[in-house]
Amino acid sequence: MPLLSSLKQRARHLKSETLALWFAARHPGTPWYAKLLVAGIVAYALSPIDLIPDFVPILGYLDDLILIPLGIVVAIRMIPGPVLEECRARARERMASAHPVSRVAAFVIVAVWIAAAALCGVWAYRTWFSP
């Protein structure tokens, strides 16, 4: 289980870094294109609902360990260094006091799953029951 423990620790670190990016997206010193990328990354990472639920062994952390880090690396390179350090300090303070959650991102992910299920239902109906 050391692998699973390591993966969980890495996921926690990524969520902290994601919160720093959220602060950076609201900082006036961050370029607009970085703000746009950060908004998408943060919305997904702080969502209480993942595309693959975290309770699924190993697979549940793949989105936290592959998709989010790639977006974070790109976003970090777009944000000026002093702005990023200031935002990281704010994120450390916030993570120590509360657990961040994005309800809007949760709604979007649930809506995507419902739309996908509806499309599958329409396809199944047309395939098996339509003349």
N, C-alpha and C. Protein backbone atom coordinates (compact mmCIF):
# COMPACT_ATOMS: atom_id res chain seq x y z
N MET A 1 0.78 -1.21 0.00
CA MET A 1 0.00 0.00 0.00
C MET A 1 0.83 1.28 0.00
N PRO A 2 2.19 1.20 0.03
CA PRO A 2 2.96 2.45 -0.02
C PRO A 2 2.72 3.21 -1.33
N LEU A 3 2.46 2.49 -2.42
CA LEU A 3 2.19 3.15 -3.70
C LEU A 3 0.92 3.97 -3.61
N LEU A 4 -0.12 3.40 -3.05
CA LEU A 4 -1.39 4.12 -2.92
C LEU A 4 -1.24 5.33 -2.01
N SER A 5 -0.49 5.18 -0.92
CA SER A 5 -0.23 6.30 -0.02
C SER A 5 0.53 7.41 -0.73
N SER A 6 1.50 7.04 -1.52
CA SER A 6 2.27 8.02 -2.28
C SER A 6 1.39 8.75 -3.29
N LEU A 7 0.52 8.01 -3.95
CA LEU A 7 -0.38 8.62 -4.92
C LEU A 7 -1.34 9.60 -4.25
N LYS A 8 -1.83 9.23 -3.08
CA LYS A 8 -2.74 10.12 -2.35
C LYS A 8 -2.02 11.41 -1.94
N GLN A 9 -0.77 11.28 -1.48
CA GLN A 9 0.00 12.46 -1.07
C GLN A 9 0.23 13.37 -2.27
N ARG A 10 0.56 12.78 -3.40
CA ARG A 10 0.79 13.58 -4.62
C ARG A 10 -0.49 14.29 -5.04
N ALA A 11 -1.62 13.62 -4.92
CA ALA A 11 -2.90 14.24 -5.26
C ALA A 11 -3.20 15.42 -4.34
N ARG A 12 -2.89 15.30 -3.06
CA ARG A 12 -3.10 16.42 -2.13
C ARG A 12 -2.22 17.61 -2.50
N HIS A 13 -0.97 17.34 -2.87
CA HIS A 13 -0.07 18.41 -3.28
C HIS A 13 -0.60 19.12 -4.53
N LEU A 14 -1.12 18.34 -5.45
CA LEU A 14 -1.66 18.93 -6.68
C LEU A 14 -2.87 19.81 -6.39
N LYS A 15 -3.68 19.39 -5.44
CA LYS A 15 -4.84 20.22 -5.09
C LYS A 15 -4.40 21.53 -4.46
N SER A 16 -3.34 21.50 -3.66
CA SER A 16 -2.80 22.73 -3.07
C SER A 16 -2.25 23.64 -4.16
N GLU A 17 -1.53 23.07 -5.09
CA GLU A 17 -0.98 23.84 -6.21
C GLU A 17 -2.11 24.41 -7.07
N THR A 18 -3.17 23.66 -7.20
CA THR A 18 -4.31 24.11 -7.97
C THR A 18 -4.99 25.30 -7.30
N LEU A 19 -5.07 25.28 -5.99
CA LEU A 19 -5.63 26.42 -5.27
C LEU A 19 -4.75 27.66 -5.47
N ALA A 20 -3.45 27.49 -5.49
CA ALA A 20 -2.54 28.61 -5.77
C ALA A 20 -2.81 29.17 -7.16
N LEU A 21 -3.07 28.28 -8.11
CA LEU A 21 -3.39 28.74 -9.46
C LEU A 21 -4.72 29.48 -9.49
N TRP A 22 -5.65 29.07 -8.67
CA TRP A 22 -6.94 29.76 -8.58
C TRP A 22 -6.72 31.20 -8.11
N PHE A 23 -5.88 31.35 -7.09
CA PHE A 23 -5.54 32.70 -6.62
C PHE A 23 -4.84 33.49 -7.72
N ALA A 24 -3.97 32.83 -8.47
CA ALA A 24 -3.25 33.50 -9.55
C ALA A 24 -4.20 33.96 -10.65
N ALA A 25 -5.26 33.19 -10.89
CA ALA A 25 -6.22 33.57 -11.91
C ALA A 25 -6.96 34.86 -11.55
N ARG A 26 -7.04 35.17 -10.28
CA ARG A 26 -7.70 36.39 -9.81
C ARG A 26 -6.72 37.54 -9.59
N HIS A 27 -5.45 37.27 -9.76
CA HIS A 27 -4.42 38.28 -9.51
C HIS A 27 -4.30 39.19 -10.75
N PRO A 28 -4.21 40.51 -10.54
CA PRO A 28 -4.12 41.41 -11.69
C PRO A 28 -2.82 41.28 -12.48
N GLY A 29 -1.79 40.67 -11.91
CA GLY A 29 -0.52 40.51 -12.62
C GLY A 29 -0.45 39.29 -13.51
N THR A 30 -1.51 38.51 -13.57
CA THR A 30 -1.53 37.30 -14.39
C THR A 30 -2.09 37.62 -15.78
N PRO A 31 -1.42 37.19 -16.86
CA PRO A 31 -1.93 37.44 -18.22
C PRO A 31 -3.28 36.77 -18.44
N TRP A 32 -4.09 37.33 -19.34
CA TRP A 32 -5.46 36.84 -19.56
C TRP A 32 -5.47 35.40 -20.06
N TYR A 33 -4.53 35.01 -20.92
CA TYR A 33 -4.53 33.65 -21.46
C TYR A 33 -4.19 32.62 -20.38
N ALA A 34 -3.37 33.01 -19.42
CA ALA A 34 -3.08 32.12 -18.29
C ALA A 34 -4.31 32.00 -17.40
N LYS A 35 -5.03 33.10 -17.24
CA LYS A 35 -6.25 33.07 -16.43
C LYS A 35 -7.28 32.11 -17.03
N LEU A 36 -7.40 32.12 -18.34
CA LEU A 36 -8.36 31.23 -19.01
C LEU A 36 -7.99 29.76 -18.80
N LEU A 37 -6.72 29.42 -18.97
CA LEU A 37 -6.28 28.04 -18.77
C LEU A 37 -6.45 27.63 -17.30
N VAL A 38 -6.05 28.50 -16.40
CA VAL A 38 -6.16 28.20 -14.97
C VAL A 38 -7.60 27.98 -14.56
N ALA A 39 -8.51 28.77 -15.09
CA ALA A 39 -9.93 28.61 -14.74
C ALA A 39 -10.42 27.20 -15.05
N GLY A 40 -10.04 26.67 -16.19
CA GLY A 40 -10.45 25.31 -16.55
C GLY A 40 -9.81 24.26 -15.66
N ILE A 41 -8.54 24.42 -15.37
CA ILE A 41 -7.83 23.46 -14.52
C ILE A 41 -8.40 23.44 -13.11
N VAL A 42 -8.58 24.62 -12.54
CA VAL A 42 -9.06 24.73 -11.17
C VAL A 42 -10.49 24.20 -11.05
N ALA A 43 -11.33 24.54 -12.00
CA ALA A 43 -12.71 24.07 -11.95
C ALA A 43 -12.76 22.55 -11.91
N TYR A 44 -11.94 21.90 -12.71
CA TYR A 44 -11.93 20.44 -12.72
C TYR A 44 -11.29 19.87 -11.46
N ALA A 45 -10.16 20.41 -11.05
CA ALA A 45 -9.43 19.84 -9.92
C ALA A 45 -10.15 19.99 -8.59
N LEU A 46 -10.84 21.10 -8.38
CA LEU A 46 -11.51 21.32 -7.11
C LEU A 46 -12.94 20.79 -7.09
N SER A 47 -13.35 20.20 -8.17
CA SER A 47 -14.68 19.63 -8.23
C SER A 47 -14.77 18.43 -7.29
N PRO A 48 -15.85 18.33 -6.52
CA PRO A 48 -16.00 17.17 -5.64
C PRO A 48 -16.30 15.88 -6.41
N ILE A 49 -16.57 16.01 -7.69
CA ILE A 49 -16.87 14.85 -8.53
C ILE A 49 -15.80 14.75 -9.61
N ASP A 50 -15.14 13.61 -9.73
CA ASP A 50 -14.13 13.38 -10.76
C ASP A 50 -14.73 12.57 -11.89
N LEU A 51 -14.07 12.60 -13.04
CA LEU A 51 -14.51 11.75 -14.15
C LEU A 51 -14.40 10.28 -13.76
N ILE A 52 -13.32 9.94 -13.05
CA ILE A 52 -13.14 8.60 -12.50
C ILE A 52 -13.14 8.77 -10.98
N PRO A 53 -14.10 8.20 -10.26
CA PRO A 53 -14.17 8.40 -8.81
C PRO A 53 -12.89 7.93 -8.11
N ASP A 54 -12.50 8.64 -7.05
CA ASP A 54 -11.26 8.34 -6.34
C ASP A 54 -11.28 6.99 -5.63
N PHE A 55 -12.46 6.44 -5.33
CA PHE A 55 -12.50 5.16 -4.62
C PHE A 55 -12.17 3.98 -5.52
N VAL A 56 -12.10 4.18 -6.84
CA VAL A 56 -11.70 3.11 -7.76
C VAL A 56 -10.18 2.97 -7.63
N PRO A 57 -9.69 1.79 -7.24
CA PRO A 57 -8.25 1.63 -7.00
C PRO A 57 -7.41 2.02 -8.21
N ILE A 58 -6.40 2.78 -7.98
CA ILE A 58 -5.42 3.28 -8.94
C ILE A 58 -6.05 4.15 -10.03
N LEU A 59 -7.04 3.65 -10.73
CA LEU A 59 -7.68 4.42 -11.80
C LEU A 59 -8.31 5.71 -11.28
N GLY A 60 -8.78 5.69 -10.05
CA GLY A 60 -9.44 6.86 -9.48
C GLY A 60 -8.52 8.06 -9.33
N TYR A 61 -7.24 7.81 -9.26
CA TYR A 61 -6.28 8.90 -9.11
C TYR A 61 -5.58 9.25 -10.43
N LEU A 62 -5.89 8.56 -11.52
CA LEU A 62 -5.23 8.84 -12.79
C LEU A 62 -5.51 10.27 -13.26
N ASP A 63 -6.76 10.72 -13.14
CA ASP A 63 -7.05 12.07 -13.59
C ASP A 63 -6.33 13.09 -12.73
N ASP A 64 -6.20 12.81 -11.42
CA ASP A 64 -5.47 13.72 -10.53
C ASP A 64 -3.97 13.68 -10.79
N LEU A 65 -3.46 12.57 -11.29
CA LEU A 65 -2.03 12.40 -11.44
C LEU A 65 -1.51 12.58 -12.87
N ILE A 66 -2.40 12.67 -13.84
CA ILE A 66 -1.94 12.85 -15.23
C ILE A 66 -2.51 14.12 -15.84
N LEU A 67 -3.83 14.25 -15.89
CA LEU A 67 -4.44 15.40 -16.56
C LEU A 67 -4.17 16.72 -15.85
N ILE A 68 -4.38 16.74 -14.57
CA ILE A 68 -4.21 17.98 -13.80
C ILE A 68 -2.75 18.44 -13.80
N PRO A 69 -1.77 17.54 -13.54
CA PRO A 69 -0.38 18.01 -13.55
C PRO A 69 0.06 18.59 -14.88
N LEU A 70 -0.40 18.00 -15.98
CA LEU A 70 -0.03 18.56 -17.28
C LEU A 70 -0.55 19.98 -17.44
N GLY A 71 -1.79 20.19 -17.05
CA GLY A 71 -2.35 21.53 -17.12
C GLY A 71 -1.66 22.49 -16.18
N ILE A 72 -1.32 22.01 -14.99
CA ILE A 72 -0.64 22.85 -14.00
C ILE A 72 0.74 23.28 -14.50
N VAL A 73 1.47 22.36 -15.09
CA VAL A 73 2.81 22.69 -15.60
C VAL A 73 2.72 23.78 -16.65
N VAL A 74 1.78 23.65 -17.55
CA VAL A 74 1.63 24.66 -18.60
C VAL A 74 1.22 26.00 -17.99
N ALA A 75 0.28 25.98 -17.06
CA ALA A 75 -0.20 27.22 -16.45
C ALA A 75 0.90 27.90 -15.64
N ILE A 76 1.69 27.13 -14.90
CA ILE A 76 2.76 27.71 -14.09
C ILE A 76 3.77 28.44 -14.95
N ARG A 77 4.02 27.91 -16.11
CA ARG A 77 4.98 28.56 -17.02
C ARG A 77 4.43 29.87 -17.58
N MET A 78 3.12 30.04 -17.56
CA MET A 78 2.51 31.26 -18.09
C MET A 78 2.41 32.38 -17.05
N ILE A 79 2.51 32.04 -15.77
CA ILE A 79 2.31 33.01 -14.69
C ILE A 79 3.66 33.55 -14.24
N PRO A 80 3.78 34.89 -14.09
CA PRO A 80 5.03 35.47 -13.60
C PRO A 80 5.42 34.92 -12.22
N GLY A 81 6.71 34.71 -11.99
CA GLY A 81 7.23 34.12 -10.76
C GLY A 81 6.77 34.78 -9.47
N PRO A 82 6.91 36.10 -9.33
CA PRO A 82 6.49 36.74 -8.07
C PRO A 82 5.00 36.58 -7.78
N VAL A 83 4.19 36.61 -8.82
CA VAL A 83 2.75 36.42 -8.65
C VAL A 83 2.48 35.01 -8.15
N LEU A 84 3.15 34.04 -8.74
CA LEU A 84 2.94 32.64 -8.35
C LEU A 84 3.37 32.39 -6.91
N GLU A 85 4.48 32.94 -6.48
CA GLU A 85 4.92 32.73 -5.09
C GLU A 85 3.94 33.34 -4.09
N GLU A 86 3.43 34.51 -4.39
CA GLU A 86 2.43 35.15 -3.52
C GLU A 86 1.18 34.28 -3.41
N CYS A 87 0.76 33.73 -4.53
CA CYS A 87 -0.45 32.90 -4.55
C CYS A 87 -0.24 31.56 -3.85
N ARG A 88 0.96 31.00 -3.95
CA ARG A 88 1.27 29.76 -3.24
C ARG A 88 1.20 29.95 -1.73
N ALA A 89 1.68 31.09 -1.25
CA ALA A 89 1.61 31.38 0.19
C ALA A 89 0.16 31.49 0.64
N ARG A 90 -0.68 32.13 -0.14
CA ARG A 90 -2.10 32.24 0.20
C ARG A 90 -2.76 30.86 0.20
N ALA A 91 -2.36 30.01 -0.75
CA ALA A 91 -2.94 28.66 -0.83
C ALA A 91 -2.56 27.82 0.38
N ARG A 92 -1.32 27.93 0.83
CA ARG A 92 -0.90 27.18 2.02
C ARG A 92 -1.73 27.60 3.23
N GLU A 93 -1.98 28.89 3.37
CA GLU A 93 -2.81 29.38 4.48
C GLU A 93 -4.23 28.82 4.39
N ARG A 94 -4.80 28.85 3.21
CA ARG A 94 -6.18 28.39 3.02
C ARG A 94 -6.31 26.90 3.24
N MET A 95 -5.35 26.11 2.73
CA MET A 95 -5.42 24.65 2.88
C MET A 95 -5.29 24.24 4.35
N ALA A 96 -4.59 25.03 5.12
CA ALA A 96 -4.44 24.71 6.54
C ALA A 96 -5.74 24.95 7.31
N SER A 97 -6.58 25.85 6.80
CA SER A 97 -7.80 26.21 7.53
C SER A 97 -9.07 25.58 6.98
N ALA A 98 -9.13 25.24 5.71
CA ALA A 98 -10.38 24.73 5.13
C ALA A 98 -10.08 23.88 3.89
N HIS A 99 -11.08 23.12 3.47
CA HIS A 99 -10.97 22.28 2.28
C HIS A 99 -11.76 22.93 1.14
N PRO A 100 -11.09 23.38 0.06
CA PRO A 100 -11.78 24.08 -1.03
C PRO A 100 -12.63 23.13 -1.88
N VAL A 101 -13.78 23.63 -2.33
CA VAL A 101 -14.69 22.85 -3.17
C VAL A 101 -15.29 23.79 -4.21
N SER A 102 -15.42 23.31 -5.43
CA SER A 102 -16.04 24.08 -6.50
C SER A 102 -17.36 23.43 -6.88
N ARG A 103 -18.45 24.03 -6.47
CA ARG A 103 -19.77 23.48 -6.77
C ARG A 103 -20.14 23.68 -8.24
N VAL A 104 -19.66 24.76 -8.85
CA VAL A 104 -19.93 25.00 -10.26
C VAL A 104 -19.29 23.91 -11.11
N ALA A 105 -18.05 23.57 -10.80
CA ALA A 105 -17.37 22.51 -11.54
C ALA A 105 -18.09 21.17 -11.36
N ALA A 106 -18.58 20.92 -10.15
CA ALA A 106 -19.33 19.68 -9.90
C ALA A 106 -20.58 19.64 -10.78
N PHE A 107 -21.27 20.77 -10.88
CA PHE A 107 -22.47 20.83 -11.71
C PHE A 107 -22.12 20.56 -13.18
N VAL A 108 -21.04 21.15 -13.66
CA VAL A 108 -20.64 20.95 -15.06
C VAL A 108 -20.31 19.48 -15.32
N ILE A 109 -19.57 18.84 -14.41
CA ILE A 109 -19.20 17.44 -14.62
C ILE A 109 -20.43 16.54 -14.57
N VAL A 110 -21.34 16.80 -13.64
CA VAL A 110 -22.58 16.02 -13.57
C VAL A 110 -23.39 16.22 -14.85
N ALA A 111 -23.44 17.45 -15.35
CA ALA A 111 -24.17 17.72 -16.58
C ALA A 111 -23.56 16.98 -17.77
N VAL A 112 -22.24 16.90 -17.82
CA VAL A 112 -21.58 16.15 -18.90
C VAL A 112 -21.93 14.68 -18.81
N TRP A 113 -21.92 14.10 -17.60
CA TRP A 113 -22.27 12.68 -17.44
C TRP A 113 -23.73 12.44 -17.81
N ILE A 114 -24.63 13.33 -17.43
CA ILE A 114 -26.04 13.17 -17.77
C ILE A 114 -26.23 13.26 -19.28
N ALA A 115 -25.55 14.21 -19.92
CA ALA A 115 -25.64 14.33 -21.38
C ALA A 115 -25.11 13.08 -22.07
N ALA A 116 -24.00 12.55 -21.57
CA ALA A 116 -23.44 11.33 -22.16
C ALA A 116 -24.39 10.15 -21.99
N ALA A 117 -25.02 10.04 -20.83
CA ALA A 117 -25.98 8.96 -20.59
C ALA A 117 -27.19 9.12 -21.50
N ALA A 118 -27.64 10.35 -21.68
CA ALA A 118 -28.78 10.60 -22.56
C ALA A 118 -28.44 10.24 -24.00
N LEU A 119 -27.26 10.60 -24.45
CA LEU A 119 -26.85 10.24 -25.82
C LEU A 119 -26.76 8.73 -25.98
N CYS A 120 -26.25 8.04 -24.97
CA CYS A 120 -26.20 6.58 -25.03
C CYS A 120 -27.60 5.99 -25.08
N GLY A 121 -28.52 6.57 -24.32
CA GLY A 121 -29.91 6.11 -24.33
C GLY A 121 -30.56 6.31 -25.68
N VAL A 122 -30.35 7.47 -26.29
CA VAL A 122 -30.90 7.74 -27.63
C VAL A 122 -30.31 6.77 -28.64
N TRP A 123 -29.01 6.55 -28.57
CA TRP A 123 -28.37 5.60 -29.49
C TRP A 123 -28.94 4.19 -29.31
N ALA A 124 -29.09 3.75 -28.06
CA ALA A 124 -29.63 2.41 -27.80
C ALA A 124 -31.05 2.29 -28.29
N TYR A 125 -31.85 3.31 -28.07
CA TYR A 125 -33.25 3.29 -28.54
C TYR A 125 -33.30 3.18 -30.05
N ARG A 126 -32.52 3.99 -30.74
CA ARG A 126 -32.51 3.98 -32.22
C ARG A 126 -31.98 2.65 -32.76
N THR A 127 -31.03 2.07 -32.05
CA THR A 127 -30.42 0.84 -32.52
C THR A 127 -31.35 -0.35 -32.36
N TRP A 128 -32.03 -0.47 -31.19
CA TRP A 128 -32.80 -1.67 -30.91
C TRP A 128 -34.30 -1.52 -31.06
N PHE A 129 -34.85 -0.33 -30.95
CA PHE A 129 -36.30 -0.20 -30.95
C PHE A 129 -36.85 0.61 -32.13
N SER A 130 -36.03 1.29 -32.85
CA SER A 130 -36.51 2.12 -33.97
C SER A 130 -36.57 1.27 -35.25
N PRO A 131 -37.62 1.46 -36.06
CA PRO A 131 -37.72 0.65 -37.29
C PRO A 131 -36.70 0.98 -38.33
